[in-house]
Amino acid sequence: MIDKIRFYRMYLQDYLLLGTKILDILGNEDEVALQLGVPVAKIREALNKLREGLKILKANLRTEELARLDNRRDDAWMCFYHLVLSQVRCMDDEVREHAHKLEVLIRMPEKAYS
């Protein structure tokens, strides 16, 4: 028994795989004798659109991931920055001295964090 394809459950990658498999099967047949020219052309066109859509989707996912990683880096930097500022006010002289050296490095003009 052949199961029906549930297209509503498919993802973009599944459509691409299905179309590629169909083209492989139809490529083994004689297009002219079976009059498959138009359907094969439509499938190729649809696959090209799907490939372009996947490129855009992957680019968007990379952009979102970079933005998320950038936010994490900013959060880590601010955490470190506030830790150094808190240690500048520490009661221990040695800790305060080292924290002050770090603060000077952090506040260098080319870093401009405040």
PDB file of N, CA and C in Angstrom:
ATOM      1  N   MET A   1       0.837  -1.180   0.000  1.00  0.00           N
ATOM      2  CA  MET A   1       0.000   0.000   0.000  1.00  0.00           C
ATOM      3  C   MET A   1       0.885   1.248   0.000  1.00  0.00           C
ATOM      4  N   ILE A   2       0.545   2.204  -0.801  1.00  0.00           N
ATOM      5  CA  ILE A   2       1.321   3.443  -0.898  1.00  0.00           C
ATOM      6  C   ILE A   2       0.727   4.466   0.069  1.00  0.00           C
ATOM      7  N   ASP A   3       1.585   4.998   0.926  1.00  0.00           N
ATOM      8  CA  ASP A   3       1.116   6.034   1.856  1.00  0.00           C
ATOM      9  C   ASP A   3       0.988   7.365   1.124  1.00  0.00           C
ATOM     10  N   LYS A   4      -0.001   8.126   1.503  1.00  0.00           N
ATOM     11  CA  LYS A   4      -0.155   9.461   0.937  1.00  0.00           C
ATOM     12  C   LYS A   4       0.918  10.369   1.524  1.00  0.00           C
ATOM     13  N   ILE A   5       1.399  11.284   0.702  1.00  0.00           N
ATOM     14  CA  ILE A   5       2.381  12.266   1.185  1.00  0.00           C
ATOM     15  C   ILE A   5       1.615  13.374   1.885  1.00  0.00           C
ATOM     16  N   ARG A   6       1.979  13.631   3.094  1.00  0.00           N
ATOM     17  CA  ARG A   6       1.331  14.711   3.854  1.00  0.00           C
ATOM     18  C   ARG A   6       2.187  15.975   3.686  1.00  0.00           C
ATOM     19  N   PHE A   7       1.857  16.748   2.655  1.00  0.00           N
ATOM     20  CA  PHE A   7       2.661  17.913   2.318  1.00  0.00           C
ATOM     21  C   PHE A   7       2.663  18.958   3.432  1.00  0.00           C
ATOM     22  N   TYR A   8       1.594  19.049   4.190  1.00  0.00           N
ATOM     23  CA  TYR A   8       1.509  20.042   5.252  1.00  0.00           C
ATOM     24  C   TYR A   8       2.484  19.754   6.387  1.00  0.00           C
ATOM     25  N   ARG A   9       3.019  18.529   6.447  1.00  0.00           N
ATOM     26  CA  ARG A   9       3.983  18.178   7.490  1.00  0.00           C
ATOM     27  C   ARG A   9       5.434  18.306   7.019  1.00  0.00           C
ATOM     28  N   MET A  10       5.613  18.665   5.771  1.00  0.00           N
ATOM     29  CA  MET A  10       6.959  18.705   5.213  1.00  0.00           C
ATOM     30  C   MET A  10       7.633  20.049   5.486  1.00  0.00           C
ATOM     31  N   TYR A  11       8.936  19.989   5.595  1.00  0.00           N
ATOM     32  CA  TYR A  11       9.745  21.191   5.737  1.00  0.00           C
ATOM     33  C   TYR A  11      10.341  21.541   4.372  1.00  0.00           C
ATOM     34  N   LEU A  12      10.950  22.703   4.286  1.00  0.00           N
ATOM     35  CA  LEU A  12      11.526  23.160   3.031  1.00  0.00           C
ATOM     36  C   LEU A  12      12.553  22.168   2.497  1.00  0.00           C
ATOM     37  N   GLN A  13      13.357  21.633   3.379  1.00  0.00           N
ATOM     38  CA  GLN A  13      14.376  20.658   2.985  1.00  0.00           C
ATOM     39  C   GLN A  13      13.731  19.382   2.442  1.00  0.00           C
ATOM     40  N   ASP A  14      12.584  18.988   2.996  1.00  0.00           N
ATOM     41  CA  ASP A  14      11.877  17.793   2.521  1.00  0.00           C
ATOM     42  C   ASP A  14      11.360  17.995   1.094  1.00  0.00           C
ATOM     43  N   TYR A  15      10.828  19.180   0.816  1.00  0.00           N
ATOM     44  CA  TYR A  15      10.357  19.475  -0.541  1.00  0.00           C
ATOM     45  C   TYR A  15      11.521  19.412  -1.527  1.00  0.00           C
ATOM     46  N   LEU A  16      12.667  19.932  -1.117  1.00  0.00           N
ATOM     47  CA  LEU A  16      13.843  19.915  -1.977  1.00  0.00           C
ATOM     48  C   LEU A  16      14.281  18.481  -2.269  1.00  0.00           C
ATOM     49  N   LEU A  17      14.290  17.645  -1.241  1.00  0.00           N
ATOM     50  CA  LEU A  17      14.667  16.245  -1.420  1.00  0.00           C
ATOM     51  C   LEU A  17      13.674  15.517  -2.328  1.00  0.00           C
ATOM     52  N   LEU A  18      12.376  15.744  -2.105  1.00  0.00           N
ATOM     53  CA  LEU A  18      11.343  15.106  -2.923  1.00  0.00           C
ATOM     54  C   LEU A  18      11.482  15.517  -4.382  1.00  0.00           C
ATOM     55  N   GLY A  19      11.654  16.801  -4.635  1.00  0.00           N
ATOM     56  CA  GLY A  19      11.798  17.273  -6.013  1.00  0.00           C
ATOM     57  C   GLY A  19      13.037  16.724  -6.687  1.00  0.00           C
ATOM     58  N   THR A  20      14.130  16.638  -5.942  1.00  0.00           N
ATOM     59  CA  THR A  20      15.365  16.089  -6.499  1.00  0.00           C
ATOM     60  C   THR A  20      15.190  14.616  -6.857  1.00  0.00           C
ATOM     61  N   LYS A  21      14.552  13.863  -5.979  1.00  0.00           N
ATOM     62  CA  LYS A  21      14.307  12.433  -6.255  1.00  0.00           C
ATOM     63  C   LYS A  21      13.406  12.262  -7.481  1.00  0.00           C
ATOM     64  N   ILE A  22      12.376  13.099  -7.595  1.00  0.00           N
ATOM     65  CA  ILE A  22      11.470  13.020  -8.742  1.00  0.00           C
ATOM     66  C   ILE A  22      12.230  13.309 -10.030  1.00  0.00           C
ATOM     67  N   LEU A  23      13.093  14.341 -10.005  1.00  0.00           N
ATOM     68  CA  LEU A  23      13.885  14.647 -11.196  1.00  0.00           C
ATOM     69  C   LEU A  23      14.831  13.515 -11.556  1.00  0.00           C
ATOM     70  N   ASP A  24      15.396  12.862 -10.545  1.00  0.00           N
ATOM     71  CA  ASP A  24      16.276  11.717 -10.809  1.00  0.00           C
ATOM     72  C   ASP A  24      15.503  10.587 -11.498  1.00  0.00           C
ATOM     73  N   ILE A  25      14.303  10.319 -11.021  1.00  0.00           N
ATOM     74  CA  ILE A  25      13.483   9.250 -11.605  1.00  0.00           C
ATOM     75  C   ILE A  25      13.061   9.623 -13.025  1.00  0.00           C
ATOM     76  N   LEU A  26      12.609  10.873 -13.194  1.00  0.00           N
ATOM     77  CA  LEU A  26      12.170  11.301 -14.525  1.00  0.00           C
ATOM     78  C   LEU A  26      13.338  11.448 -15.494  1.00  0.00           C
ATOM     79  N   GLY A  27      14.530  11.647 -14.982  1.00  0.00           N
ATOM     80  CA  GLY A  27      15.707  11.753 -15.836  1.00  0.00           C
ATOM     81  C   GLY A  27      16.054  10.445 -16.511  1.00  0.00           C
ATOM     82  N   ASN A  28      15.622   9.350 -15.945  1.00  0.00           N
ATOM     83  CA  ASN A  28      15.881   8.033 -16.539  1.00  0.00           C
ATOM     84  C   ASN A  28      14.909   7.711 -17.674  1.00  0.00           C
ATOM     85  N   GLU A  29      13.847   8.480 -17.796  1.00  0.00           N
ATOM     86  CA  GLU A  29      12.820   8.230 -18.811  1.00  0.00           C
ATOM     87  C   GLU A  29      13.056   9.121 -20.033  1.00  0.00           C
ATOM     88  N   ASP A  30      12.421   8.769 -21.117  1.00  0.00           N
ATOM     89  CA  ASP A  30      12.506   9.562 -22.347  1.00  0.00           C
ATOM     90  C   ASP A  30      11.484  10.695 -22.260  1.00  0.00           C
ATOM     91  N   GLU A  31      11.984  11.921 -22.111  1.00  0.00           N
ATOM     92  CA  GLU A  31      11.090  13.076 -21.912  1.00  0.00           C
ATOM     93  C   GLU A  31      10.208  13.337 -23.117  1.00  0.00           C
ATOM     94  N   VAL A  32      10.776  13.190 -24.301  1.00  0.00           N
ATOM     95  CA  VAL A  32      10.022  13.497 -25.526  1.00  0.00           C
ATOM     96  C   VAL A  32       8.910  12.468 -25.755  1.00  0.00           C
ATOM     97  N   ALA A  33       9.240  11.206 -25.615  1.00  0.00           N
ATOM     98  CA  ALA A  33       8.248  10.152 -25.874  1.00  0.00           C
ATOM     99  C   ALA A  33       7.108  10.197 -24.871  1.00  0.00           C
ATOM    100  N   LEU A  34       7.428  10.497 -23.615  1.00  0.00           N
ATOM    101  CA  LEU A  34       6.386  10.532 -22.580  1.00  0.00           C
ATOM    102  C   LEU A  34       5.801  11.926 -22.375  1.00  0.00           C
ATOM    103  N   GLN A  35       6.254  12.891 -23.155  1.00  0.00           N
ATOM    104  CA  GLN A  35       5.799  14.288 -23.082  1.00  0.00           C
ATOM    105  C   GLN A  35       5.973  14.850 -21.667  1.00  0.00           C
ATOM    106  N   LEU A  36       7.168  14.690 -21.144  1.00  0.00           N
ATOM    107  CA  LEU A  36       7.482  15.156 -19.791  1.00  0.00           C
ATOM    108  C   LEU A  36       8.223  16.491 -19.780  1.00  0.00           C
ATOM    109  N   GLY A  37       8.367  17.117 -20.912  1.00  0.00           N
ATOM    110  CA  GLY A  37       9.137  18.356 -21.002  1.00  0.00           C
ATOM    111  C   GLY A  37       8.612  19.457 -20.096  1.00  0.00           C
ATOM    112  N   VAL A  38       7.312  19.714 -20.161  1.00  0.00           N
ATOM    113  CA  VAL A  38       6.719  20.799 -19.359  1.00  0.00           C
ATOM    114  C   VAL A  38       6.735  20.480 -17.863  1.00  0.00           C
ATOM    115  N   PRO A  39       6.304  19.282 -17.438  1.00  0.00           N
ATOM    116  CA  PRO A  39       6.358  18.990 -16.008  1.00  0.00           C
ATOM    117  C   PRO A  39       7.778  19.030 -15.430  1.00  0.00           C
ATOM    118  N   VAL A  40       8.741  18.522 -16.189  1.00  0.00           N
ATOM    119  CA  VAL A  40      10.121  18.533 -15.702  1.00  0.00           C
ATOM    120  C   VAL A  40      10.632  19.962 -15.596  1.00  0.00           C
ATOM    121  N   ALA A  41      10.278  20.796 -16.558  1.00  0.00           N
ATOM    122  CA  ALA A  41      10.694  22.205 -16.513  1.00  0.00           C
ATOM    123  C   ALA A  41      10.089  22.901 -15.292  1.00  0.00           C
ATOM    124  N   LYS A  42       8.820  22.600 -14.990  1.00  0.00           N
ATOM    125  CA  LYS A  42       8.173  23.200 -13.811  1.00  0.00           C
ATOM    126  C   LYS A  42       8.844  22.737 -12.520  1.00  0.00           C
ATOM    127  N   ILE A  43       9.204  21.458 -12.473  1.00  0.00           N
ATOM    128  CA  ILE A  43       9.865  20.932 -11.270  1.00  0.00           C
ATOM    129  C   ILE A  43      11.233  21.574 -11.098  1.00  0.00           C
ATOM    130  N   ARG A  44      11.984  21.704 -12.204  1.00  0.00           N
ATOM    131  CA  ARG A  44      13.298  22.361 -12.119  1.00  0.00           C
ATOM    132  C   ARG A  44      13.173  23.795 -11.644  1.00  0.00           C
ATOM    133  N   GLU A  45      12.183  24.506 -12.165  1.00  0.00           N
ATOM    134  CA  GLU A  45      11.965  25.900 -11.760  1.00  0.00           C
ATOM    135  C   GLU A  45      11.615  25.982 -10.271  1.00  0.00           C
ATOM    136  N   ALA A  46      10.755  25.091  -9.821  1.00  0.00           N
ATOM    137  CA  ALA A  46      10.370  25.075  -8.408  1.00  0.00           C
ATOM    138  C   ALA A  46      11.577  24.749  -7.517  1.00  0.00           C
ATOM    139  N   LEU A  47      12.406  23.801  -7.962  1.00  0.00           N
ATOM    140  CA  LEU A  47      13.600  23.447  -7.175  1.00  0.00           C
ATOM    141  C   LEU A  47      14.578  24.610  -7.090  1.00  0.00           C
ATOM    142  N   ASN A  48      14.717  25.350  -8.187  1.00  0.00           N
ATOM    143  CA  ASN A  48      15.593  26.527  -8.144  1.00  0.00           C
ATOM    144  C   ASN A  48      15.084  27.554  -7.148  1.00  0.00           C
ATOM    145  N   LYS A  49      13.767  27.763  -7.121  1.00  0.00           N
ATOM    146  CA  LYS A  49      13.181  28.694  -6.144  1.00  0.00           C
ATOM    147  C   LYS A  49      13.415  28.198  -4.716  1.00  0.00           C
ATOM    148  N   LEU A  50      13.261  26.890  -4.503  1.00  0.00           N
ATOM    149  CA  LEU A  50      13.485  26.319  -3.177  1.00  0.00           C
ATOM    150  C   LEU A  50      14.939  26.488  -2.742  1.00  0.00           C
ATOM    151  N   ARG A  51      15.872  26.261  -3.663  1.00  0.00           N
ATOM    152  CA  ARG A  51      17.288  26.422  -3.326  1.00  0.00           C
ATOM    153  C   ARG A  51      17.600  27.865  -2.946  1.00  0.00           C
ATOM    154  N   GLU A  52      17.039  28.813  -3.699  1.00  0.00           N
ATOM    155  CA  GLU A  52      17.247  30.226  -3.378  1.00  0.00           C
ATOM    156  C   GLU A  52      16.630  30.560  -2.019  1.00  0.00           C
ATOM    157  N   GLY A  53      15.447  29.982  -1.751  1.00  0.00           N
ATOM    158  CA  GLY A  53      14.807  30.200  -0.456  1.00  0.00           C
ATOM    159  C   GLY A  53      15.632  29.642   0.691  1.00  0.00           C
ATOM    160  N   LEU A  54      16.242  28.491   0.468  1.00  0.00           N
ATOM    161  CA  LEU A  54      17.099  27.903   1.507  1.00  0.00           C
ATOM    162  C   LEU A  54      18.324  28.766   1.762  1.00  0.00           C
ATOM    163  N   LYS A  55      18.893  29.353   0.699  1.00  0.00           N
ATOM    164  CA  LYS A  55      20.043  30.238   0.883  1.00  0.00           C
ATOM    165  C   LYS A  55      19.668  31.433   1.744  1.00  0.00           C
ATOM    166  N   ILE A  56      18.521  32.028   1.466  1.00  0.00           N
ATOM    167  CA  ILE A  56      18.062  33.184   2.242  1.00  0.00           C
ATOM    168  C   ILE A  56      17.782  32.769   3.677  1.00  0.00           C
ATOM    169  N   LEU A  57      17.132  31.612   3.849  1.00  0.00           N
ATOM    170  CA  LEU A  57      16.811  31.119   5.191  1.00  0.00           C
ATOM    171  C   LEU A  57      18.079  30.872   5.993  1.00  0.00           C
ATOM    172  N   LYS A  58      19.072  30.225   5.372  1.00  0.00           N
ATOM    173  CA  LYS A  58      20.327  29.960   6.072  1.00  0.00           C
ATOM    174  C   LYS A  58      21.039  31.260   6.417  1.00  0.00           C
ATOM    175  N   ALA A  59      20.985  32.236   5.513  1.00  0.00           N
ATOM    176  CA  ALA A  59      21.612  33.529   5.790  1.00  0.00           C
ATOM    177  C   ALA A  59      20.923  34.215   6.971  1.00  0.00           C
ATOM    178  N   ASN A  60      19.587  34.131   7.017  1.00  0.00           N
ATOM    179  CA  ASN A  60      18.855  34.731   8.131  1.00  0.00           C
ATOM    180  C   ASN A  60      19.183  34.041   9.449  1.00  0.00           C
ATOM    181  N   LEU A  61      19.307  32.713   9.412  1.00  0.00           N
ATOM    182  CA  LEU A  61      19.643  31.983  10.636  1.00  0.00           C
ATOM    183  C   LEU A  61      21.041  32.345  11.118  1.00  0.00           C
ATOM    184  N   ARG A  62      21.977  32.500  10.176  1.00  0.00           N
ATOM    185  CA  ARG A  62      23.332  32.905  10.569  1.00  0.00           C
ATOM    186  C   ARG A  62      23.318  34.297  11.168  1.00  0.00           C
ATOM    187  N   THR A  63      22.552  35.203  10.580  1.00  0.00           N
ATOM    188  CA  THR A  63      22.467  36.565  11.088  1.00  0.00           C
ATOM    189  C   THR A  63      21.889  36.569  12.500  1.00  0.00           C
ATOM    190  N   GLU A  64      20.837  35.784  12.722  1.00  0.00           N
ATOM    191  CA  GLU A  64      20.242  35.703  14.055  1.00  0.00           C
ATOM    192  C   GLU A  64      21.228  35.123  15.058  1.00  0.00           C
ATOM    193  N   GLU A  65      21.976  34.110  14.647  1.00  0.00           N
ATOM    194  CA  GLU A  65      22.948  33.492  15.547  1.00  0.00           C
ATOM    195  C   GLU A  65      24.067  34.474  15.880  1.00  0.00           C
ATOM    196  N   LEU A  66      24.538  35.224  14.884  1.00  0.00           N
ATOM    197  CA  LEU A  66      25.573  36.218  15.147  1.00  0.00           C
ATOM    198  C   LEU A  66      25.068  37.307  16.088  1.00  0.00           C
ATOM    199  N   ALA A  67      23.833  37.733  15.906  1.00  0.00           N
ATOM    200  CA  ALA A  67      23.268  38.746  16.792  1.00  0.00           C
ATOM    201  C   ALA A  67      23.167  38.218  18.219  1.00  0.00           C
ATOM    202  N   ARG A  68      22.743  36.946  18.366  1.00  0.00           N
ATOM    203  CA  ARG A  68      22.648  36.353  19.694  1.00  0.00           C
ATOM    204  C   ARG A  68      24.026  36.243  20.347  1.00  0.00           C
ATOM    205  N   LEU A  69      25.018  35.800  19.571  1.00  0.00           N
ATOM    206  CA  LEU A  69      26.374  35.696  20.113  1.00  0.00           C
ATOM    207  C   LEU A  69      26.953  37.075  20.440  1.00  0.00           C
ATOM    208  N   ASP A  70      26.613  38.063  19.629  1.00  0.00           N
ATOM    209  CA  ASP A  70      27.079  39.422  19.890  1.00  0.00           C
ATOM    210  C   ASP A  70      26.488  39.946  21.193  1.00  0.00           C
ATOM    211  N   ASN A  71      25.222  39.664  21.437  1.00  0.00           N
ATOM    212  CA  ASN A  71      24.590  40.082  22.699  1.00  0.00           C
ATOM    213  C   ASN A  71      25.231  39.383  23.889  1.00  0.00           C
ATOM    214  N   ARG A  72      25.548  38.109  23.729  1.00  0.00           N
ATOM    215  CA  ARG A  72      26.204  37.376  24.824  1.00  0.00           C
ATOM    216  C   ARG A  72      27.580  37.959  25.109  1.00  0.00           C
ATOM    217  N   ARG A  73      28.318  38.319  24.050  1.00  0.00           N
ATOM    218  CA  ARG A  73      29.631  38.928  24.231  1.00  0.00           C
ATOM    219  C   ARG A  73      29.501  40.274  24.952  1.00  0.00           C
ATOM    220  N   ASP A  74      28.515  41.076  24.539  1.00  0.00           N
ATOM    221  CA  ASP A  74      28.303  42.366  25.198  1.00  0.00           C
ATOM    222  C   ASP A  74      27.953  42.184  26.672  1.00  0.00           C
ATOM    223  N   ASP A  75      27.103  41.210  26.961  1.00  0.00           N
ATOM    224  CA  ASP A  75      26.745  40.940  28.353  1.00  0.00           C
ATOM    225  C   ASP A  75      27.957  40.504  29.170  1.00  0.00           C
ATOM    226  N   ALA A  76      28.788  39.652  28.571  1.00  0.00           N
ATOM    227  CA  ALA A  76      29.992  39.194  29.277  1.00  0.00           C
ATOM    228  C   ALA A  76      30.947  40.364  29.514  1.00  0.00           C
ATOM    229  N   TRP A  77      31.074  41.242  28.514  1.00  0.00           N
ATOM    230  CA  TRP A  77      31.951  42.399  28.681  1.00  0.00           C
ATOM    231  C   TRP A  77      31.447  43.313  29.800  1.00  0.00           C
ATOM    232  N   MET A  78      30.164  43.593  29.817  1.00  0.00           N
ATOM    233  CA  MET A  78      29.611  44.472  30.850  1.00  0.00           C
ATOM    234  C   MET A  78      29.753  43.832  32.231  1.00  0.00           C
ATOM    235  N   CYS A  79      29.595  42.536  32.316  1.00  0.00           N
ATOM    236  CA  CYS A  79      29.773  41.825  33.579  1.00  0.00           C
ATOM    237  C   CYS A  79      31.215  41.989  34.072  1.00  0.00           C
ATOM    238  N   PHE A  80      32.167  41.779  33.165  1.00  0.00           N
ATOM    239  CA  PHE A  80      33.581  41.943  33.518  1.00  0.00           C
ATOM    240  C   PHE A  80      33.875  43.391  33.909  1.00  0.00           C
ATOM    241  N   TYR A  81      33.346  44.335  33.151  1.00  0.00           N
ATOM    242  CA  TYR A  81      33.573  45.751  33.407  1.00  0.00           C
ATOM    243  C   TYR A  81      33.067  46.147  34.801  1.00  0.00           C
ATOM    244  N   HIS A  82      31.884  45.726  35.149  1.00  0.00           N
ATOM    245  CA  HIS A  82      31.325  46.056  36.458  1.00  0.00           C
ATOM    246  C   HIS A  82      32.053  45.316  37.588  1.00  0.00           C
ATOM    247  N   LEU A  83      32.557  44.124  37.310  1.00  0.00           N
ATOM    248  CA  LEU A  83      33.378  43.422  38.294  1.00  0.00           C
ATOM    249  C   LEU A  83      34.645  44.218  38.592  1.00  0.00           C
ATOM    250  N   VAL A  84      35.289  44.714  37.546  1.00  0.00           N
ATOM    251  CA  VAL A  84      36.510  45.515  37.742  1.00  0.00           C
ATOM    252  C   VAL A  84      36.183  46.780  38.516  1.00  0.00           C
ATOM    253  N   LEU A  85      35.090  47.453  38.163  1.00  0.00           N
ATOM    254  CA  LEU A  85      34.708  48.673  38.890  1.00  0.00           C
ATOM    255  C   LEU A  85      34.430  48.379  40.361  1.00  0.00           C
ATOM    256  N   SER A  86      33.830  47.253  40.638  1.00  0.00           N
ATOM    257  CA  SER A  86      33.564  46.917  42.037  1.00  0.00           C
ATOM    258  C   SER A  86      34.855  46.603  42.786  1.00  0.00           C
ATOM    259  N   GLN A  87      35.811  45.979  42.105  1.00  0.00           N
ATOM    260  CA  GLN A  87      37.073  45.636  42.753  1.00  0.00           C
ATOM    261  C   GLN A  87      37.960  46.859  42.970  1.00  0.00           C
ATOM    262  N   VAL A  88      37.740  47.931  42.192  1.00  0.00           N
ATOM    263  CA  VAL A  88      38.482  49.178  42.407  1.00  0.00           C
ATOM    264  C   VAL A  88      38.140  49.744  43.786  1.00  0.00           C
ATOM    265  N   ARG A  89      36.949  49.466  44.265  1.00  0.00           N
ATOM    266  CA  ARG A  89      36.499  49.985  45.570  1.00  0.00           C
ATOM    267  C   ARG A  89      36.672  48.950  46.690  1.00  0.00           C
ATOM    268  N   CYS A  90      37.441  47.905  46.403  1.00  0.00           N
ATOM    269  CA  CYS A  90      37.652  46.831  47.373  1.00  0.00           C
ATOM    270  C   CYS A  90      38.506  47.326  48.542  1.00  0.00           C
ATOM    271  N   MET A  91      38.322  46.735  49.708  1.00  0.00           N
ATOM    272  CA  MET A  91      39.092  47.114  50.895  1.00  0.00           C
ATOM    273  C   MET A  91      40.522  46.571  50.849  1.00  0.00           C
ATOM    274  N   ASP A  92      40.737  45.475  50.161  1.00  0.00           N
ATOM    275  CA  ASP A  92      42.067  44.869  50.057  1.00  0.00           C
ATOM    276  C   ASP A  92      42.933  45.711  49.111  1.00  0.00           C
ATOM    277  N   ASP A  93      44.079  46.173  49.599  1.00  0.00           N
ATOM    278  CA  ASP A  93      44.940  47.062  48.823  1.00  0.00           C
ATOM    279  C   ASP A  93      45.466  46.391  47.558  1.00  0.00           C
ATOM    280  N   GLU A  94      45.864  45.138  47.669  1.00  0.00           N
ATOM    281  CA  GLU A  94      46.433  44.443  46.510  1.00  0.00           C
ATOM    282  C   GLU A  94      45.388  44.255  45.412  1.00  0.00           C
ATOM    283  N   VAL A  95      44.191  43.843  45.787  1.00  0.00           N
ATOM    284  CA  VAL A  95      43.105  43.657  44.815  1.00  0.00           C
ATOM    285  C   VAL A  95      42.760  44.992  44.175  1.00  0.00           C
ATOM    286  N   ARG A  96      42.688  46.037  44.994  1.00  0.00           N
ATOM    287  CA  ARG A  96      42.354  47.369  44.498  1.00  0.00           C
ATOM    288  C   ARG A  96      43.407  47.857  43.495  1.00  0.00           C
ATOM    289  N   GLU A  97      44.678  47.597  43.796  1.00  0.00           N
ATOM    290  CA  GLU A  97      45.767  48.030  42.919  1.00  0.00           C
ATOM    291  C   GLU A  97      45.687  47.339  41.554  1.00  0.00           C
ATOM    292  N   HIS A  98      45.471  46.011  41.563  1.00  0.00           N
ATOM    293  CA  HIS A  98      45.358  45.275  40.297  1.00  0.00           C
ATOM    294  C   HIS A  98      44.085  45.678  39.530  1.00  0.00           C
ATOM    295  N   ALA A  99      43.021  45.891  40.237  1.00  0.00           N
ATOM    296  CA  ALA A  99      41.776  46.309  39.585  1.00  0.00           C
ATOM    297  C   ALA A  99      41.937  47.694  38.962  1.00  0.00           C
ATOM    298  N   HIS A 100      42.685  48.571  39.643  1.00  0.00           N
ATOM    299  CA  HIS A 100      42.918  49.907  39.093  1.00  0.00           C
ATOM    300  C   HIS A 100      43.717  49.816  37.789  1.00  0.00           C
ATOM    301  N   LYS A 101      44.714  48.911  37.728  1.00  0.00           N
ATOM    302  CA  LYS A 101      45.480  48.719  36.486  1.00  0.00           C
ATOM    303  C   LYS A 101      44.570  48.233  35.351  1.00  0.00           C
ATOM    304  N   LEU A 102      43.668  47.319  35.680  1.00  0.00           N
ATOM    305  CA  LEU A 102      42.711  46.846  34.669  1.00  0.00           C
ATOM    306  C   LEU A 102      41.777  47.972  34.227  1.00  0.00           C
ATOM    307  N   GLU A 103      41.359  48.782  35.169  1.00  0.00           N
ATOM    308  CA  GLU A 103      40.459  49.887  34.838  1.00  0.00           C
ATOM    309  C   GLU A 103      41.137  50.866  33.889  1.00  0.00           C
ATOM    310  N   VAL A 104      42.419  51.129  34.119  1.00  0.00           N
ATOM    311  CA  VAL A 104      43.157  52.025  33.226  1.00  0.00           C
ATOM    312  C   VAL A 104      43.205  51.439  31.812  1.00  0.00           C
ATOM    313  N   LEU A 105      43.441  50.137  31.714  1.00  0.00           N
ATOM    314  CA  LEU A 105      43.458  49.497  30.394  1.00  0.00           C
ATOM    315  C   LEU A 105      42.087  49.544  29.725  1.00  0.00           C
ATOM    316  N   ILE A 106      41.053  49.338  30.518  1.00  0.00           N
ATOM    317  CA  ILE A 106      39.693  49.341  29.970  1.00  0.00           C
ATOM    318  C   ILE A 106      39.314  50.731  29.468  1.00  0.00           C
ATOM    319  N   ARG A 107      39.734  51.746  30.176  1.00  0.00           N
ATOM    320  CA  ARG A 107      39.332  53.115  29.826  1.00  0.00           C
ATOM    321  C   ARG A 107      40.277  53.793  28.842  1.00  0.00           C
ATOM    322  N   MET A 108      41.106  53.016  28.145  1.00  0.00           N
ATOM    323  CA  MET A 108      41.988  53.613  27.143  1.00  0.00           C
ATOM    324  C   MET A 108      41.135  54.251  26.056  1.00  0.00           C
ATOM    325  N   PRO A 109      41.613  55.334  25.438  1.00  0.00           N
ATOM    326  CA  PRO A 109      40.782  56.080  24.464  1.00  0.00           C
ATOM    327  C   PRO A 109      40.256  55.218  23.309  1.00  0.00           C
ATOM    328  N   GLU A 110      41.052  54.290  22.810  1.00  0.00           N
ATOM    329  CA  GLU A 110      40.574  53.494  21.672  1.00  0.00           C
ATOM    330  C   GLU A 110      39.517  52.482  22.078  1.00  0.00           C
ATOM    331  N   LYS A 111      39.394  52.207  23.370  1.00  0.00           N
ATOM    332  CA  LYS A 111      38.369  51.278  23.837  1.00  0.00           C
ATOM    333  C   LYS A 111      37.061  52.008  24.149  1.00  0.00           C
ATOM    334  N   ALA A 112      37.144  53.203  24.663  1.00  0.00           N
ATOM    335  CA  ALA A 112      35.995  54.092  24.919  1.00  0.00           C
ATOM    336  C   ALA A 112      34.766  53.378  25.481  1.00  0.00           C
ATOM    337  N   TYR A 113      34.898  52.670  26.567  1.00  0.00           N
ATOM    338  CA  TYR A 113      33.772  52.035  27.240  1.00  0.00           C
ATOM    339  C   TYR A 113      33.484  52.801  28.521  1.00  0.00           C
ATOM    340  N   SER A 114      32.278  53.191  28.699  1.00  0.00           N
ATOM    341  CA  SER A 114      31.904  53.841  29.954  1.00  0.00           C
ATOM    342  C   SER A 114      30.426  53.735  30.197  1.00  0.00           C
TER     343      SER A 114
END
